[in-house]
Amino acid sequence: MTRGTKRLPRAVREQQMLDAAVEVFSANGFHETSMDAIATAAQISKPMLYLYYGSKDELFSACIQREGMRFAKAVAPAGDPSLTPREQVRVALLEFLNYVDSHRQSWTVLYRQAVGQQPFAKLIQTNRDRLVDLTAGLLESSTKTPEPGTNFRIMAVALIGAGEAVADRIADGEIDVHEAAELLERLAWRGLAGKKKD
């Protein structure tokens, strides 16, 4: 344990551990990551890590929960009712893609490593459902005269799926954030505006 770590408040220490865990998980993958490696990265003892998080599964779950909440918080400004529908869509996409660009390790843990890991599937689905609900609400509030039978939730699922695929390219450095946002905005706006012109 490094000098001074003892005096850290519990909440600060927890964040320190989660920061280290996200870094190590994103670099090595869940199965190849050891609690020893995370403790070393967090500059704490392994017993201290186990005191806070009783297992690697528990620690990984805590990472998913925290990163999922951070992600949802990042896109929340899009719900500002003072923005026009077009501005809301633009803000949502830019916040989402900027988050991925600025938090590539978080994205790696949330959408590459956790997906397909059976013990964490429910957590991932909960995070995705939260994002789908937020997006569906945005789509509905942005559509003044929706066609009868419009299913905003399915529209949100489709848009998020496309967004995740594009975000993967951003995380790999294959596409610029603004270029990606414009591409997705055109896709989203067609769904929102129907036959009307902007």
C-alpha atoms as a PDB file:
ATOM      1  CA  MET A   1       0.000   0.000   0.000  1.00  0.00           C
ATOM      2  CA  THR A   2       1.382   3.407  -0.884  1.00  0.00           C
ATOM      3  CA  ARG A   3       1.972   6.069   1.685  1.00  0.00           C
ATOM      4  CA  GLY A   4      -1.088   8.167   2.460  1.00  0.00           C
ATOM      5  CA  THR A   5      -3.604   5.760   0.950  1.00  0.00           C
ATOM      6  CA  LYS A   6      -4.790   4.883   4.464  1.00  0.00           C
ATOM      7  CA  ARG A   7      -6.286   8.338   4.980  1.00  0.00           C
ATOM      8  CA  LEU A   8      -8.375   8.323   1.815  1.00  0.00           C
ATOM      9  CA  PRO A   9     -12.138   8.485   2.454  1.00  0.00           C
ATOM     10  CA  ARG A  10     -13.957   5.283   1.546  1.00  0.00           C
ATOM     11  CA  ALA A  11     -15.786   6.830  -1.420  1.00  0.00           C
ATOM     12  CA  VAL A  12     -12.535   8.149  -2.890  1.00  0.00           C
ATOM     13  CA  ARG A  13     -10.810   4.827  -2.382  1.00  0.00           C
ATOM     14  CA  GLU A  14     -13.669   2.978  -4.095  1.00  0.00           C
ATOM     15  CA  GLN A  15     -13.353   5.238  -7.139  1.00  0.00           C
ATOM     16  CA  GLN A  16      -9.603   4.697  -7.173  1.00  0.00           C
ATOM     17  CA  MET A  17     -10.160   0.934  -7.242  1.00  0.00           C
ATOM     18  CA  LEU A  18     -12.787   1.173  -9.981  1.00  0.00           C
ATOM     19  CA  ASP A  19     -10.575   3.445 -12.084  1.00  0.00           C
ATOM     20  CA  ALA A  20      -7.759   0.924 -11.843  1.00  0.00           C
ATOM     21  CA  ALA A  21     -10.088  -1.988 -12.561  1.00  0.00           C
ATOM     22  CA  VAL A  22     -11.497  -0.370 -15.721  1.00  0.00           C
ATOM     23  CA  GLU A  23      -7.965   0.320 -16.929  1.00  0.00           C
ATOM     24  CA  VAL A  24      -6.774  -3.251 -16.351  1.00  0.00           C
ATOM     25  CA  PHE A  25      -9.963  -4.945 -17.583  1.00  0.00           C
ATOM     26  CA  SER A  26      -9.926  -2.886 -20.783  1.00  0.00           C
ATOM     27  CA  ALA A  27      -6.283  -3.770 -21.447  1.00  0.00           C
ATOM     28  CA  ASN A  28      -6.356  -7.473 -20.571  1.00  0.00           C
ATOM     29  CA  GLY A  29      -9.963  -8.622 -20.767  1.00  0.00           C
ATOM     30  CA  PHE A  30     -12.033 -10.076 -17.947  1.00  0.00           C
ATOM     31  CA  HIS A  31     -10.619 -13.589 -17.951  1.00  0.00           C
ATOM     32  CA  GLU A  32      -6.978 -12.525 -18.201  1.00  0.00           C
ATOM     33  CA  THR A  33      -7.233  -9.932 -15.442  1.00  0.00           C
ATOM     34  CA  SER A  34      -6.219 -10.821 -11.903  1.00  0.00           C
ATOM     35  CA  MET A  35      -7.116  -9.116  -8.665  1.00  0.00           C
ATOM     36  CA  ASP A  36      -3.352  -8.839  -8.049  1.00  0.00           C
ATOM     37  CA  ALA A  37      -2.968  -6.735 -11.201  1.00  0.00           C
ATOM     38  CA  ILE A  38      -5.857  -4.467 -10.210  1.00  0.00           C
ATOM     39  CA  ALA A  39      -4.533  -4.017  -6.682  1.00  0.00           C
ATOM     40  CA  THR A  40      -1.127  -3.090  -8.097  1.00  0.00           C
ATOM     41  CA  ALA A  41      -2.668  -0.594 -10.523  1.00  0.00           C
ATOM     42  CA  ALA A  42      -4.725   0.929  -7.684  1.00  0.00           C
ATOM     43  CA  GLN A  43      -1.631   1.036  -5.440  1.00  0.00           C
ATOM     44  CA  ILE A  44      -3.346  -0.855  -2.666  1.00  0.00           C
ATOM     45  CA  SER A  45      -2.946  -4.303  -1.138  1.00  0.00           C
ATOM     46  CA  LYS A  46      -4.914  -7.258  -2.488  1.00  0.00           C
ATOM     47  CA  PRO A  47      -6.570  -7.841   0.929  1.00  0.00           C
ATOM     48  CA  MET A  48      -7.797  -4.225   0.832  1.00  0.00           C
ATOM     49  CA  LEU A  49      -9.265  -4.784  -2.644  1.00  0.00           C
ATOM     50  CA  TYR A  50     -11.056  -7.931  -1.453  1.00  0.00           C
ATOM     51  CA  LEU A  51     -12.344  -6.034   1.570  1.00  0.00           C
ATOM     52  CA  TYR A  52     -14.210  -3.674  -0.747  1.00  0.00           C
ATOM     53  CA  TYR A  53     -15.030  -6.115  -3.539  1.00  0.00           C
ATOM     54  CA  GLY A  54     -15.265  -9.747  -2.500  1.00  0.00           C
ATOM     55  CA  SER A  55     -14.536 -11.218  -5.933  1.00  0.00           C
ATOM     56  CA  LYS A  56     -13.478 -10.324  -9.455  1.00  0.00           C
ATOM     57  CA  ASP A  57     -17.088 -10.791 -10.600  1.00  0.00           C
ATOM     58  CA  GLU A  58     -18.299  -8.323  -7.979  1.00  0.00           C
ATOM     59  CA  LEU A  59     -15.636  -5.800  -8.983  1.00  0.00           C
ATOM     60  CA  PHE A  60     -16.445  -6.150 -12.687  1.00  0.00           C
ATOM     61  CA  SER A  61     -20.152  -5.684 -11.934  1.00  0.00           C
ATOM     62  CA  ALA A  62     -19.333  -2.512 -10.006  1.00  0.00           C
ATOM     63  CA  CYS A  63     -17.356  -1.249 -13.012  1.00  0.00           C
ATOM     64  CA  ILE A  64     -20.280  -1.941 -15.355  1.00  0.00           C
ATOM     65  CA  GLN A  65     -22.732  -0.176 -13.046  1.00  0.00           C
ATOM     66  CA  ARG A  66     -20.543   2.907 -12.598  1.00  0.00           C
ATOM     67  CA  GLU A  67     -19.598   3.250 -16.254  1.00  0.00           C
ATOM     68  CA  GLY A  68     -23.203   2.699 -17.318  1.00  0.00           C
ATOM     69  CA  MET A  69     -24.391   5.489 -15.010  1.00  0.00           C
ATOM     70  CA  ARG A  70     -21.648   7.809 -16.260  1.00  0.00           C
ATOM     71  CA  PHE A  71     -22.634   7.071 -19.830  1.00  0.00           C
ATOM     72  CA  ALA A  72     -26.324   7.792 -19.171  1.00  0.00           C
ATOM     73  CA  LYS A  73     -25.384  11.023 -17.368  1.00  0.00           C
ATOM     74  CA  ALA A  74     -23.233  12.106 -20.312  1.00  0.00           C
ATOM     75  CA  VAL A  75     -26.163  11.966 -22.761  1.00  0.00           C
ATOM     76  CA  ALA A  76     -28.770  13.371 -20.348  1.00  0.00           C
ATOM     77  CA  PRO A  77     -28.345  17.046 -21.503  1.00  0.00           C
ATOM     78  CA  ALA A  78     -30.091  16.047 -24.729  1.00  0.00           C
ATOM     79  CA  GLY A  79     -33.354  15.978 -22.784  1.00  0.00           C
ATOM     80  CA  ASP A  80     -33.284  19.764 -22.322  1.00  0.00           C
ATOM     81  CA  PRO A  81     -36.801  20.894 -23.383  1.00  0.00           C
ATOM     82  CA  SER A  82     -35.501  24.336 -24.387  1.00  0.00           C
ATOM     83  CA  LEU A  83     -33.657  22.767 -27.334  1.00  0.00           C
ATOM     84  CA  THR A  84     -35.297  22.263 -30.702  1.00  0.00           C
ATOM     85  CA  PRO A  85     -35.822  18.656 -31.830  1.00  0.00           C
ATOM     86  CA  ARG A  86     -32.859  18.901 -34.204  1.00  0.00           C
ATOM     87  CA  GLU A  87     -30.668  20.312 -31.426  1.00  0.00           C
ATOM     88  CA  GLN A  88     -31.739  17.547 -29.041  1.00  0.00           C
ATOM     89  CA  VAL A  89     -30.753  14.876 -31.534  1.00  0.00           C
ATOM     90  CA  ARG A  90     -27.452  16.611 -32.251  1.00  0.00           C
ATOM     91  CA  VAL A  91     -26.616  17.023 -28.567  1.00  0.00           C
ATOM     92  CA  ALA A  92     -27.491  13.392 -27.799  1.00  0.00           C
ATOM     93  CA  LEU A  93     -25.270  12.093 -30.585  1.00  0.00           C
ATOM     94  CA  LEU A  94     -22.349  14.396 -29.846  1.00  0.00           C
ATOM     95  CA  GLU A  95     -22.439  13.678 -26.098  1.00  0.00           C
ATOM     96  CA  PHE A  96     -22.632   9.943 -26.756  1.00  0.00           C
ATOM     97  CA  LEU A  97     -19.802   9.885 -29.286  1.00  0.00           C
ATOM     98  CA  ASN A  98     -17.617  12.322 -27.345  1.00  0.00           C
ATOM     99  CA  TYR A  99     -18.052  10.131 -24.294  1.00  0.00           C
ATOM    100  CA  VAL A 100     -16.846   7.092 -26.218  1.00  0.00           C
ATOM    101  CA  ASP A 101     -13.927   9.062 -27.681  1.00  0.00           C
ATOM    102  CA  SER A 102     -12.885  10.389 -24.259  1.00  0.00           C
ATOM    103  CA  HIS A 103     -13.552   7.170 -22.321  1.00  0.00           C
ATOM    104  CA  ARG A 104     -12.368   4.421 -24.637  1.00  0.00           C
ATOM    105  CA  GLN A 105     -11.457   2.137 -21.739  1.00  0.00           C
ATOM    106  CA  SER A 106     -14.966   2.506 -20.339  1.00  0.00           C
ATOM    107  CA  TRP A 107     -16.468   1.696 -23.741  1.00  0.00           C
ATOM    108  CA  THR A 108     -14.215  -1.358 -24.046  1.00  0.00           C
ATOM    109  CA  VAL A 109     -15.404  -2.700 -20.699  1.00  0.00           C
ATOM    110  CA  LEU A 110     -19.083  -1.902 -21.272  1.00  0.00           C
ATOM    111  CA  TYR A 111     -19.620  -2.892 -24.870  1.00  0.00           C
ATOM    112  CA  ARG A 112     -16.856  -5.264 -25.808  1.00  0.00           C
ATOM    113  CA  GLN A 113     -15.920  -7.312 -22.780  1.00  0.00           C
ATOM    114  CA  ALA A 114     -19.125  -7.369 -20.766  1.00  0.00           C
ATOM    115  CA  VAL A 115     -21.331  -8.255 -23.736  1.00  0.00           C
ATOM    116  CA  GLY A 116     -21.386 -12.024 -24.062  1.00  0.00           C
ATOM    117  CA  GLN A 117     -20.229 -12.606 -20.490  1.00  0.00           C
ATOM    118  CA  GLN A 118     -23.233 -14.485 -19.105  1.00  0.00           C
ATOM    119  CA  PRO A 119     -22.927 -13.425 -15.438  1.00  0.00           C
ATOM    120  CA  PHE A 120     -23.085  -9.761 -16.507  1.00  0.00           C
ATOM    121  CA  ALA A 121     -25.674  -9.952 -19.285  1.00  0.00           C
ATOM    122  CA  LYS A 122     -28.490  -8.688 -17.047  1.00  0.00           C
ATOM    123  CA  LEU A 123     -26.465  -5.648 -15.954  1.00  0.00           C
ATOM    124  CA  ILE A 124     -25.625  -4.793 -19.539  1.00  0.00           C
ATOM    125  CA  GLN A 125     -29.269  -5.175 -20.547  1.00  0.00           C
ATOM    126  CA  THR A 126     -30.340  -2.908 -17.674  1.00  0.00           C
ATOM    127  CA  ASN A 127     -27.900  -0.214 -18.838  1.00  0.00           C
ATOM    128  CA  ARG A 128     -29.036  -0.578 -22.432  1.00  0.00           C
ATOM    129  CA  ASP A 129     -32.724  -0.460 -21.426  1.00  0.00           C
ATOM    130  CA  ARG A 130     -32.046   2.775 -19.550  1.00  0.00           C
ATOM    131  CA  LEU A 131     -30.473   4.273 -22.662  1.00  0.00           C
ATOM    132  CA  VAL A 132     -33.290   2.974 -24.873  1.00  0.00           C
ATOM    133  CA  ASP A 133     -35.881   4.589 -22.571  1.00  0.00           C
ATOM    134  CA  LEU A 134     -34.014   7.896 -22.622  1.00  0.00           C
ATOM    135  CA  THR A 135     -33.677   7.807 -26.416  1.00  0.00           C
ATOM    136  CA  ALA A 136     -37.291   6.737 -26.990  1.00  0.00           C
ATOM    137  CA  GLY A 137     -38.451   9.651 -24.843  1.00  0.00           C
ATOM    138  CA  LEU A 138     -36.263  12.011 -26.848  1.00  0.00           C
ATOM    139  CA  LEU A 139     -37.597  10.702 -30.155  1.00  0.00           C
ATOM    140  CA  GLU A 140     -41.205  10.954 -29.000  1.00  0.00           C
ATOM    141  CA  SER A 141     -40.854  14.477 -27.612  1.00  0.00           C
ATOM    142  CA  SER A 142     -39.094  15.565 -30.809  1.00  0.00           C
ATOM    143  CA  THR A 143     -41.866  14.326 -33.120  1.00  0.00           C
ATOM    144  CA  LYS A 144     -44.753  16.774 -33.270  1.00  0.00           C
ATOM    145  CA  THR A 145     -47.077  14.695 -35.420  1.00  0.00           C
ATOM    146  CA  PRO A 146     -46.051  11.035 -35.265  1.00  0.00           C
ATOM    147  CA  GLU A 147     -47.669   8.644 -37.650  1.00  0.00           C
ATOM    148  CA  PRO A 148     -50.254   6.319 -36.029  1.00  0.00           C
ATOM    149  CA  GLY A 149     -48.657   3.226 -34.559  1.00  0.00           C
ATOM    150  CA  THR A 150     -45.161   4.748 -34.343  1.00  0.00           C
ATOM    151  CA  ASN A 151     -43.089   2.569 -32.010  1.00  0.00           C
ATOM    152  CA  PHE A 152     -40.541   4.947 -30.519  1.00  0.00           C
ATOM    153  CA  ARG A 153     -38.929   2.231 -28.430  1.00  0.00           C
ATOM    154  CA  ILE A 154     -38.111   0.116 -31.484  1.00  0.00           C
ATOM    155  CA  MET A 155     -36.838   3.236 -33.248  1.00  0.00           C
ATOM    156  CA  ALA A 156     -34.600   3.880 -30.242  1.00  0.00           C
ATOM    157  CA  VAL A 157     -33.296   0.302 -30.279  1.00  0.00           C
ATOM    158  CA  ALA A 158     -32.409   0.654 -33.973  1.00  0.00           C
ATOM    159  CA  LEU A 159     -30.712   4.021 -33.490  1.00  0.00           C
ATOM    160  CA  ILE A 160     -28.731   2.816 -30.476  1.00  0.00           C
ATOM    161  CA  GLY A 161     -27.628  -0.279 -32.355  1.00  0.00           C
ATOM    162  CA  ALA A 162     -26.349   1.907 -35.186  1.00  0.00           C
ATOM    163  CA  GLY A 163     -24.763   4.262 -32.672  1.00  0.00           C
ATOM    164  CA  GLU A 164     -22.937   1.432 -30.932  1.00  0.00           C
ATOM    165  CA  ALA A 165     -21.565   0.147 -34.228  1.00  0.00           C
ATOM    166  CA  VAL A 166     -20.301   3.613 -35.162  1.00  0.00           C
ATOM    167  CA  ALA A 167     -18.950   4.188 -31.640  1.00  0.00           C
ATOM    168  CA  ASP A 168     -16.836   1.059 -32.015  1.00  0.00           C
ATOM    169  CA  ARG A 169     -15.190   2.698 -35.029  1.00  0.00           C
ATOM    170  CA  ILE A 170     -14.532   5.816 -32.966  1.00  0.00           C
ATOM    171  CA  ALA A 171     -12.976   3.750 -30.185  1.00  0.00           C
ATOM    172  CA  ASP A 172     -10.679   2.227 -32.808  1.00  0.00           C
ATOM    173  CA  GLY A 173      -9.818   5.640 -34.231  1.00  0.00           C
ATOM    174  CA  GLU A 174     -11.369   4.853 -37.631  1.00  0.00           C
ATOM    175  CA  ILE A 175     -13.779   7.811 -37.778  1.00  0.00           C
ATOM    176  CA  ASP A 176     -13.939  11.349 -36.404  1.00  0.00           C
ATOM    177  CA  VAL A 177     -16.581  12.195 -33.785  1.00  0.00           C
ATOM    178  CA  HIS A 178     -18.186  15.006 -35.808  1.00  0.00           C
ATOM    179  CA  GLU A 179     -18.246  12.973 -39.000  1.00  0.00           C
ATOM    180  CA  ALA A 180     -19.881  10.112 -37.118  1.00  0.00           C
ATOM    181  CA  ALA A 181     -22.393  12.451 -35.452  1.00  0.00           C
ATOM    182  CA  GLU A 182     -23.455  13.897 -38.807  1.00  0.00           C
ATOM    183  CA  LEU A 183     -23.916  10.430 -40.253  1.00  0.00           C
ATOM    184  CA  LEU A 184     -26.082   9.286 -37.339  1.00  0.00           C
ATOM    185  CA  GLU A 185     -27.956  12.569 -37.180  1.00  0.00           C
ATOM    186  CA  ARG A 186     -29.074  12.193 -40.790  1.00  0.00           C
ATOM    187  CA  LEU A 187     -30.250   8.675 -39.974  1.00  0.00           C
ATOM    188  CA  ALA A 188     -32.104   9.783 -36.826  1.00  0.00           C
ATOM    189  CA  TRP A 189     -33.645  12.874 -38.383  1.00  0.00           C
ATOM    190  CA  ARG A 190     -35.148  10.903 -41.237  1.00  0.00           C
ATOM    191  CA  GLY A 191     -36.895   8.807 -38.601  1.00  0.00           C
ATOM    192  CA  LEU A 192     -38.054  11.869 -36.673  1.00  0.00           C
ATOM    193  CA  ALA A 193     -39.073  14.112 -39.522  1.00  0.00           C
ATOM    194  CA  GLY A 194     -40.595  11.584 -41.906  1.00  0.00           C
ATOM    195  CA  LYS A 195     -41.426  13.323 -45.184  1.00  0.00           C
ATOM    196  CA  LYS A 196     -41.017  16.814 -43.773  1.00  0.00           C
ATOM    197  CA  LYS A 197     -37.962  18.895 -44.610  1.00  0.00           C
ATOM    198  CA  ASP A 198     -35.799  20.495 -41.928  1.00  0.00           C
END
